[in-house]
Amino acid sequence: MTPKPKDKPAGKPEQLKVYLFPNGNSAVFGDNDEQVAEFQTSWLLLFVQHLVNQGVNPLDVTYHMPDGRKASLFEIEDGYNWSIE
């Protein structure tokens, strides 16, 4: 379950369009179809964070992309990153 936001932060677009790409990335557009870079993040890393929050070591998981390729997760100084094999 994901909690609902309490209030919309000031200055944020009214409506967002989110595109999830098979390469694990995303694109987010707001009012007037302007790109909203601060909301763009890897959906794969969002899921990795979900696993961490559930107490799962994300390095013990295999990741399969929508197009059949595998993604490899690796540790970096402040968390994790990934690449497609």
Protein backbone atom coordinates (compact mmCIF):
# COMPACT_ATOMS: atom_id res chain seq x y z
CA MET A 1 0.00 0.00 0.00
CA THR A 2 1.22 3.49 -0.82
CA PRO A 3 -0.02 6.32 1.39
CA LYS A 4 -1.72 9.26 -0.29
CA PRO A 5 0.07 12.62 -0.17
CA LYS A 6 -1.25 15.05 2.41
CA ASP A 7 -0.91 18.24 0.34
CA LYS A 8 0.35 19.11 -3.12
CA PRO A 9 3.67 20.96 -2.78
CA ALA A 10 3.55 24.56 -4.00
CA GLY A 11 4.80 25.05 -7.54
CA LYS A 12 4.30 21.44 -8.62
CA PRO A 13 2.39 20.73 -11.85
CA GLU A 14 -1.33 19.99 -11.62
CA GLN A 15 -1.17 16.93 -13.88
CA LEU A 16 1.83 14.72 -14.58
CA LYS A 17 2.42 12.31 -17.45
CA VAL A 18 4.80 9.48 -16.57
CA TYR A 19 6.41 7.27 -19.20
CA LEU A 20 8.09 4.03 -18.11
CA PHE A 21 10.58 2.73 -20.67
CA PRO A 22 11.75 -0.86 -21.17
CA ASN A 23 15.33 0.23 -20.43
CA GLY A 24 14.41 0.90 -16.78
CA ASN A 25 14.20 4.66 -17.04
CA SER A 26 11.31 7.09 -16.93
CA ALA A 27 10.30 10.46 -18.30
CA VAL A 28 7.92 12.83 -16.55
CA PHE A 29 6.09 15.76 -18.12
CA GLY A 30 3.96 18.37 -16.42
CA ASP A 31 1.85 21.34 -17.41
CA ASN A 32 2.38 22.46 -21.03
CA ASP A 33 4.25 19.17 -21.67
CA GLU A 34 7.37 20.52 -19.99
CA GLN A 35 9.77 17.88 -18.72
CA VAL A 36 9.98 17.65 -14.91
CA ALA A 37 13.50 16.38 -14.37
CA GLU A 38 13.33 16.19 -10.56
CA PHE A 39 10.62 13.50 -10.81
CA GLN A 40 12.51 11.35 -13.33
CA THR A 41 14.16 8.36 -11.80
CA SER A 42 14.87 4.78 -12.74
CA TRP A 43 11.81 2.66 -12.03
CA LEU A 44 14.18 -0.25 -11.48
CA LEU A 45 15.90 1.65 -8.66
CA LEU A 46 12.52 2.57 -7.19
CA PHE A 47 11.78 -1.15 -6.97
CA VAL A 48 15.22 -1.78 -5.47
CA GLN A 49 14.36 0.77 -2.76
CA HIS A 50 11.07 -1.04 -2.18
CA LEU A 51 12.97 -4.30 -1.67
CA VAL A 52 15.35 -2.63 0.79
CA ASN A 53 12.37 -1.20 2.69
CA GLN A 54 10.97 -4.75 2.95
CA GLY A 55 14.26 -6.08 4.35
CA VAL A 56 15.33 -7.86 1.14
CA ASN A 57 18.92 -7.64 -0.02
CA PRO A 58 18.47 -6.41 -3.61
CA LEU A 59 21.76 -8.02 -4.65
CA ASP A 60 20.11 -11.42 -4.04
CA VAL A 61 17.46 -10.75 -6.73
CA THR A 62 17.61 -11.29 -10.50
CA TYR A 63 16.10 -8.49 -12.58
CA HIS A 64 14.42 -9.18 -15.92
CA MET A 65 13.55 -6.26 -18.16
CA PRO A 66 10.32 -6.16 -20.22
CA ASP A 67 12.23 -6.94 -23.41
CA GLY A 68 13.80 -10.09 -21.90
CA ARG A 69 17.24 -8.69 -21.10
CA LYS A 70 18.65 -8.99 -17.61
CA ALA A 71 19.76 -6.06 -15.49
CA SER A 72 22.73 -6.32 -13.14
CA LEU A 73 22.62 -4.45 -9.86
CA PHE A 74 25.81 -3.27 -8.18
CA GLU A 75 26.70 -1.23 -5.11
CA ILE A 76 27.96 2.33 -5.32
CA GLU A 77 29.07 4.65 -2.54
CA ASP A 78 25.58 5.90 -1.63
CA GLY A 79 23.40 2.96 -2.63
CA TYR A 80 22.94 0.98 -5.85
CA ASN A 81 23.09 1.39 -9.58
CA TRP A 82 22.44 -0.97 -12.44
CA SER A 83 23.26 -1.81 -16.02
CA ILE A 84 21.60 -3.94 -18.66
CA GLU A 85 23.50 -7.09 -19.66
